[in-house]
Amino acid sequence: MDALGHVNNSVYFRYMEQARVEWMYSLAEALAPENGALAVVVNASCNFKVPLVYPADVEVRMYLGDPGRTSIGSYYDLSVAGQRCADGAARMVWTDRETGKPVPLPKAVVAPLRAAAD
């Protein structure tokens, strides 16, 4: 909570992060062969629409954009009781764990997106 009795702005980013982490966990088995790569967030943004007030059940929906060669955009809608409270975005780049250099997106990330676009 901040001084005005709202959920602190930094917590919105945690909500988006949690959705991203859960998505990554859902791919854990498919990504295992490519365990030398790691997704890192290179930028993140949030547009605050309506203050969140504790207690509340926040629904976070995550969407993915068109995949690039080494990165992909993720987009978020945060709502409470059907009212949109915020939206945000984060760009993820896959990197080699040892070198930190960008590597191509894993097939487990790209294949479902390309299939949905067809």
N, C-alpha and C. Protein backbone atom coordinates (compact mmCIF):
# COMPACT_ATOMS: atom_id res chain seq x y z
N MET A 1 0.84 -1.18 0.00
CA MET A 1 0.00 0.00 0.00
C MET A 1 0.89 1.25 0.00
N ASP A 2 0.44 2.26 -0.72
CA ASP A 2 1.17 3.51 -0.71
C ASP A 2 0.51 4.48 0.28
N ALA A 3 0.99 5.70 0.32
CA ALA A 3 0.48 6.68 1.28
C ALA A 3 -0.99 7.02 1.06
N LEU A 4 -1.50 6.77 -0.15
CA LEU A 4 -2.90 7.06 -0.45
C LEU A 4 -3.83 5.87 -0.22
N GLY A 5 -3.26 4.76 0.26
CA GLY A 5 -4.08 3.57 0.53
C GLY A 5 -4.28 2.68 -0.68
N HIS A 6 -3.50 2.91 -1.73
CA HIS A 6 -3.58 2.08 -2.93
C HIS A 6 -2.46 1.06 -2.93
N VAL A 7 -2.63 0.01 -3.72
CA VAL A 7 -1.54 -0.93 -3.93
C VAL A 7 -0.42 -0.16 -4.62
N ASN A 8 0.81 -0.31 -4.11
CA ASN A 8 1.94 0.42 -4.66
C ASN A 8 2.16 0.09 -6.13
N ASN A 9 2.55 1.09 -6.93
CA ASN A 9 2.74 0.90 -8.37
C ASN A 9 3.69 -0.24 -8.70
N SER A 10 4.72 -0.44 -7.89
CA SER A 10 5.68 -1.50 -8.18
C SER A 10 5.04 -2.88 -8.14
N VAL A 11 3.96 -3.02 -7.39
CA VAL A 11 3.28 -4.32 -7.27
C VAL A 11 2.61 -4.71 -8.59
N TYR A 12 2.17 -3.73 -9.38
CA TYR A 12 1.59 -4.03 -10.69
C TYR A 12 2.61 -4.81 -11.54
N PHE A 13 3.88 -4.38 -11.45
CA PHE A 13 4.93 -5.08 -12.20
C PHE A 13 5.13 -6.50 -11.67
N ARG A 14 4.96 -6.70 -10.37
CA ARG A 14 5.04 -8.05 -9.81
C ARG A 14 3.91 -8.93 -10.33
N TYR A 15 2.71 -8.37 -10.45
CA TYR A 15 1.59 -9.14 -10.99
C TYR A 15 1.90 -9.58 -12.42
N MET A 16 2.44 -8.67 -13.22
CA MET A 16 2.79 -9.03 -14.60
C MET A 16 3.92 -10.06 -14.62
N GLU A 17 4.88 -9.89 -13.73
CA GLU A 17 5.99 -10.84 -13.64
C GLU A 17 5.48 -12.23 -13.29
N GLN A 18 4.54 -12.30 -12.37
CA GLN A 18 4.00 -13.61 -11.97
C GLN A 18 3.34 -14.31 -13.14
N ALA A 19 2.61 -13.58 -13.95
CA ALA A 19 1.99 -14.17 -15.14
C ALA A 19 3.06 -14.69 -16.10
N ARG A 20 4.13 -13.91 -16.27
CA ARG A 20 5.23 -14.30 -17.14
C ARG A 20 5.92 -15.55 -16.62
N VAL A 21 6.16 -15.61 -15.32
CA VAL A 21 6.81 -16.77 -14.70
C VAL A 21 5.94 -18.02 -14.86
N GLU A 22 4.65 -17.88 -14.64
CA GLU A 22 3.75 -19.04 -14.80
C GLU A 22 3.73 -19.52 -16.24
N TRP A 23 3.78 -18.60 -17.20
CA TRP A 23 3.85 -18.99 -18.61
C TRP A 23 5.14 -19.75 -18.87
N MET A 24 6.26 -19.27 -18.32
CA MET A 24 7.54 -19.95 -18.51
C MET A 24 7.51 -21.34 -17.88
N TYR A 25 6.90 -21.47 -16.70
CA TYR A 25 6.78 -22.79 -16.08
C TYR A 25 5.97 -23.74 -16.95
N SER A 26 4.95 -23.21 -17.62
CA SER A 26 4.13 -24.07 -18.49
C SER A 26 4.94 -24.61 -19.66
N LEU A 27 6.04 -23.94 -19.99
CA LEU A 27 6.90 -24.38 -21.09
C LEU A 27 8.15 -25.12 -20.60
N ALA A 28 8.29 -25.31 -19.30
CA ALA A 28 9.53 -25.84 -18.73
C ALA A 28 9.97 -27.14 -19.40
N GLU A 29 9.07 -28.07 -19.58
CA GLU A 29 9.44 -29.35 -20.17
C GLU A 29 9.90 -29.16 -21.62
N ALA A 30 9.19 -28.37 -22.38
CA ALA A 30 9.54 -28.14 -23.77
C ALA A 30 10.85 -27.35 -23.90
N LEU A 31 11.15 -26.51 -22.92
CA LEU A 31 12.37 -25.72 -22.97
C LEU A 31 13.59 -26.45 -22.42
N ALA A 32 13.39 -27.58 -21.74
CA ALA A 32 14.49 -28.30 -21.10
C ALA A 32 15.67 -28.58 -22.03
N PRO A 33 15.44 -29.04 -23.27
CA PRO A 33 16.59 -29.28 -24.15
C PRO A 33 17.37 -28.01 -24.47
N GLU A 34 16.75 -26.87 -24.31
CA GLU A 34 17.40 -25.60 -24.62
C GLU A 34 17.75 -24.86 -23.33
N ASN A 35 18.16 -25.63 -22.30
CA ASN A 35 18.37 -25.03 -20.99
C ASN A 35 19.60 -24.13 -20.92
N GLY A 36 20.34 -24.01 -22.01
CA GLY A 36 21.45 -23.07 -22.03
C GLY A 36 20.97 -21.65 -22.29
N ALA A 37 19.69 -21.50 -22.59
CA ALA A 37 19.14 -20.17 -22.89
C ALA A 37 18.24 -19.71 -21.75
N LEU A 38 18.16 -18.41 -21.60
CA LEU A 38 17.39 -17.81 -20.51
C LEU A 38 16.70 -16.55 -21.02
N ALA A 39 15.43 -16.39 -20.68
CA ALA A 39 14.70 -15.18 -21.08
C ALA A 39 14.96 -14.08 -20.06
N VAL A 40 15.30 -12.91 -20.55
CA VAL A 40 15.47 -11.74 -19.68
C VAL A 40 14.58 -10.61 -20.19
N VAL A 41 14.07 -9.83 -19.28
CA VAL A 41 13.24 -8.68 -19.65
C VAL A 41 14.17 -7.50 -19.91
N VAL A 42 14.04 -6.90 -21.09
CA VAL A 42 14.90 -5.77 -21.44
C VAL A 42 14.19 -4.42 -21.28
N ASN A 43 12.87 -4.45 -21.23
CA ASN A 43 12.12 -3.23 -20.87
C ASN A 43 10.73 -3.64 -20.41
N ALA A 44 10.13 -2.78 -19.63
CA ALA A 44 8.78 -3.05 -19.12
C ALA A 44 8.07 -1.71 -18.93
N SER A 45 6.75 -1.75 -19.13
CA SER A 45 5.96 -0.52 -18.95
C SER A 45 4.61 -0.87 -18.36
N CYS A 46 3.98 0.12 -17.77
CA CYS A 46 2.65 -0.07 -17.21
C CYS A 46 1.87 1.23 -17.33
N ASN A 47 0.63 1.12 -17.78
CA ASN A 47 -0.29 2.25 -17.83
C ASN A 47 -1.32 2.04 -16.72
N PHE A 48 -1.33 2.92 -15.75
CA PHE A 48 -2.21 2.81 -14.61
C PHE A 48 -3.53 3.51 -14.93
N LYS A 49 -4.63 2.76 -14.87
CA LYS A 49 -5.94 3.29 -15.23
C LYS A 49 -6.78 3.62 -13.99
N VAL A 50 -6.88 2.65 -13.09
CA VAL A 50 -7.69 2.77 -11.88
C VAL A 50 -6.87 2.21 -10.72
N PRO A 51 -6.80 2.91 -9.60
CA PRO A 51 -6.01 2.39 -8.48
C PRO A 51 -6.55 1.04 -7.98
N LEU A 52 -5.62 0.14 -7.67
CA LEU A 52 -5.99 -1.11 -7.00
C LEU A 52 -6.01 -0.85 -5.51
N VAL A 53 -7.03 -1.35 -4.86
CA VAL A 53 -7.17 -1.17 -3.42
C VAL A 53 -7.23 -2.55 -2.78
N TYR A 54 -6.41 -2.75 -1.76
CA TYR A 54 -6.38 -4.02 -1.04
C TYR A 54 -7.58 -4.10 -0.11
N PRO A 55 -8.23 -5.22 0.05
CA PRO A 55 -8.03 -6.49 -0.64
C PRO A 55 -8.81 -6.53 -1.95
N ALA A 56 -8.27 -7.27 -2.91
CA ALA A 56 -8.94 -7.46 -4.19
C ALA A 56 -8.34 -8.67 -4.89
N ASP A 57 -9.14 -9.31 -5.71
CA ASP A 57 -8.65 -10.39 -6.56
C ASP A 57 -8.33 -9.78 -7.91
N VAL A 58 -7.04 -9.75 -8.25
CA VAL A 58 -6.60 -9.15 -9.50
C VAL A 58 -6.45 -10.25 -10.54
N GLU A 59 -7.13 -10.07 -11.67
CA GLU A 59 -6.99 -11.00 -12.78
C GLU A 59 -5.97 -10.42 -13.75
N VAL A 60 -4.98 -11.23 -14.09
CA VAL A 60 -3.94 -10.80 -15.03
C VAL A 60 -4.02 -11.69 -16.26
N ARG A 61 -4.20 -11.07 -17.40
CA ARG A 61 -4.19 -11.79 -18.68
C ARG A 61 -2.94 -11.39 -19.43
N MET A 62 -2.26 -12.41 -19.94
CA MET A 62 -1.01 -12.18 -20.67
C MET A 62 -1.19 -12.60 -22.11
N TYR A 63 -0.67 -11.78 -23.01
CA TYR A 63 -0.72 -12.05 -24.44
C TYR A 63 0.69 -11.92 -25.00
N LEU A 64 0.96 -12.62 -26.07
CA LEU A 64 2.26 -12.53 -26.72
C LEU A 64 2.11 -11.88 -28.08
N GLY A 65 3.11 -11.10 -28.47
CA GLY A 65 3.12 -10.46 -29.78
C GLY A 65 3.83 -11.33 -30.80
N ASP A 66 4.06 -10.76 -31.96
CA ASP A 66 4.78 -11.47 -33.01
C ASP A 66 6.21 -11.73 -32.56
N PRO A 67 6.67 -12.97 -32.74
CA PRO A 67 8.04 -13.26 -32.33
C PRO A 67 9.05 -12.66 -33.30
N GLY A 68 10.14 -12.16 -32.76
CA GLY A 68 11.27 -11.73 -33.56
C GLY A 68 12.27 -12.87 -33.63
N ARG A 69 13.50 -12.57 -33.97
CA ARG A 69 14.51 -13.62 -34.04
C ARG A 69 14.96 -14.05 -32.65
N THR A 70 15.20 -13.07 -31.77
CA THR A 70 15.71 -13.38 -30.43
C THR A 70 14.79 -12.86 -29.31
N SER A 71 13.73 -12.15 -29.67
CA SER A 71 12.89 -11.54 -28.64
C SER A 71 11.42 -11.63 -28.99
N ILE A 72 10.62 -11.38 -27.96
CA ILE A 72 9.17 -11.39 -28.12
C ILE A 72 8.57 -10.40 -27.12
N GLY A 73 7.50 -9.75 -27.54
CA GLY A 73 6.79 -8.84 -26.65
C GLY A 73 5.69 -9.57 -25.90
N SER A 74 5.52 -9.21 -24.65
CA SER A 74 4.40 -9.73 -23.86
C SER A 74 3.56 -8.55 -23.41
N TYR A 75 2.26 -8.77 -23.36
CA TYR A 75 1.31 -7.69 -23.06
C TYR A 75 0.36 -8.17 -21.98
N TYR A 76 -0.09 -7.26 -21.14
CA TYR A 76 -0.86 -7.63 -19.95
C TYR A 76 -2.06 -6.72 -19.76
N ASP A 77 -3.14 -7.31 -19.29
CA ASP A 77 -4.31 -6.57 -18.84
C ASP A 77 -4.54 -6.99 -17.39
N LEU A 78 -4.66 -6.03 -16.49
CA LEU A 78 -4.95 -6.28 -15.09
C LEU A 78 -6.34 -5.74 -14.79
N SER A 79 -7.18 -6.57 -14.21
CA SER A 79 -8.54 -6.12 -13.90
C SER A 79 -9.00 -6.67 -12.56
N VAL A 80 -9.97 -5.97 -11.99
CA VAL A 80 -10.63 -6.39 -10.75
C VAL A 80 -12.12 -6.34 -11.00
N ALA A 81 -12.79 -7.45 -10.79
CA ALA A 81 -14.24 -7.55 -10.98
C ALA A 81 -14.66 -7.02 -12.35
N GLY A 82 -13.86 -7.36 -13.37
CA GLY A 82 -14.21 -6.97 -14.72
C GLY A 82 -13.81 -5.56 -15.11
N GLN A 83 -13.29 -4.77 -14.17
CA GLN A 83 -12.86 -3.41 -14.48
C GLN A 83 -11.36 -3.39 -14.74
N ARG A 84 -10.99 -2.89 -15.91
CA ARG A 84 -9.58 -2.81 -16.27
C ARG A 84 -8.90 -1.75 -15.41
N CYS A 85 -7.86 -2.18 -14.70
CA CYS A 85 -7.14 -1.28 -13.80
C CYS A 85 -5.82 -0.82 -14.38
N ALA A 86 -5.22 -1.65 -15.23
CA ALA A 86 -3.93 -1.30 -15.82
C ALA A 86 -3.67 -2.20 -17.02
N ASP A 87 -2.77 -1.74 -17.86
CA ASP A 87 -2.24 -2.60 -18.91
C ASP A 87 -0.75 -2.34 -18.99
N GLY A 88 -0.03 -3.32 -19.50
CA GLY A 88 1.41 -3.17 -19.54
C GLY A 88 2.04 -4.02 -20.62
N ALA A 89 3.35 -3.93 -20.69
CA ALA A 89 4.10 -4.69 -21.69
C ALA A 89 5.51 -4.95 -21.15
N ALA A 90 6.12 -6.00 -21.69
CA ALA A 90 7.52 -6.31 -21.38
C ALA A 90 8.12 -7.00 -22.59
N ARG A 91 9.33 -6.63 -22.94
CA ARG A 91 10.05 -7.27 -24.05
C ARG A 91 11.03 -8.26 -23.45
N MET A 92 10.93 -9.53 -23.90
CA MET A 92 11.82 -10.57 -23.43
C MET A 92 12.80 -10.94 -24.54
N VAL A 93 14.06 -11.07 -24.17
CA VAL A 93 15.11 -11.50 -25.09
C VAL A 93 15.71 -12.79 -24.54
N TRP A 94 15.83 -13.77 -25.40
CA TRP A 94 16.47 -15.02 -24.99
C TRP A 94 17.98 -14.85 -25.12
N THR A 95 18.70 -15.22 -24.06
CA THR A 95 20.15 -15.06 -24.06
C THR A 95 20.82 -16.37 -23.64
N ASP A 96 22.05 -16.52 -24.06
CA ASP A 96 22.88 -17.64 -23.65
C ASP A 96 23.28 -17.42 -22.20
N ARG A 97 23.09 -18.43 -21.35
CA ARG A 97 23.38 -18.26 -19.92
C ARG A 97 24.84 -17.94 -19.66
N GLU A 98 25.73 -18.49 -20.45
CA GLU A 98 27.16 -18.29 -20.21
C GLU A 98 27.68 -16.97 -20.77
N THR A 99 27.26 -16.62 -21.98
CA THR A 99 27.81 -15.43 -22.62
C THR A 99 26.95 -14.19 -22.43
N GLY A 100 25.66 -14.39 -22.16
CA GLY A 100 24.74 -13.26 -22.04
C GLY A 100 24.33 -12.68 -23.38
N LYS A 101 24.77 -13.29 -24.48
CA LYS A 101 24.44 -12.79 -25.81
C LYS A 101 23.10 -13.35 -26.28
N PRO A 102 22.37 -12.57 -27.08
CA PRO A 102 21.07 -13.05 -27.59
C PRO A 102 21.21 -14.32 -28.42
N VAL A 103 20.21 -15.18 -28.30
CA VAL A 103 20.14 -16.41 -29.08
C VAL A 103 18.74 -16.49 -29.69
N PRO A 104 18.56 -17.29 -30.74
CA PRO A 104 17.22 -17.41 -31.34
C PRO A 104 16.19 -17.90 -30.33
N LEU A 105 14.95 -17.44 -30.52
CA LEU A 105 13.85 -17.89 -29.65
C LEU A 105 13.72 -19.41 -29.72
N PRO A 106 13.42 -20.05 -28.59
CA PRO A 106 13.21 -21.49 -28.59
C PRO A 106 12.00 -21.88 -29.44
N LYS A 107 12.05 -23.05 -30.04
CA LYS A 107 10.92 -23.55 -30.85
C LYS A 107 9.65 -23.65 -30.02
N ALA A 108 9.79 -23.98 -28.73
CA ALA A 108 8.61 -24.11 -27.86
C ALA A 108 7.86 -22.79 -27.71
N VAL A 109 8.53 -21.68 -27.93
CA VAL A 109 7.90 -20.37 -27.87
C VAL A 109 7.33 -19.98 -29.23
N VAL A 110 8.11 -20.19 -30.27
CA VAL A 110 7.75 -19.73 -31.61
C VAL A 110 6.67 -20.59 -32.29
N ALA A 111 6.79 -21.90 -32.18
CA ALA A 111 5.90 -22.81 -32.92
C ALA A 111 4.42 -22.56 -32.66
N PRO A 112 3.97 -22.47 -31.40
CA PRO A 112 2.53 -22.23 -31.18
C PRO A 112 2.05 -20.89 -31.73
N LEU A 113 2.89 -19.88 -31.70
CA LEU A 113 2.50 -18.57 -32.20
C LEU A 113 2.38 -18.57 -33.72
N ARG A 114 3.31 -19.22 -34.36
CA ARG A 114 3.27 -19.28 -35.82
C ARG A 114 2.09 -20.13 -36.28
N ALA A 115 1.79 -21.21 -35.53
CA ALA A 115 0.65 -22.07 -35.89
C ALA A 115 -0.66 -21.29 -35.74
N ALA A 116 -0.76 -20.46 -34.70
CA ALA A 116 -1.98 -19.68 -34.48
C ALA A 116 -2.16 -18.62 -35.57
N ALA A 117 -1.05 -18.14 -36.13
CA ALA A 117 -1.12 -17.11 -37.16
C ALA A 117 -1.55 -17.67 -38.53
N ASP A 118 -1.36 -18.97 -38.70
CA ASP A 118 -1.73 -19.59 -39.99
C ASP A 118 -3.21 -19.77 -40.17
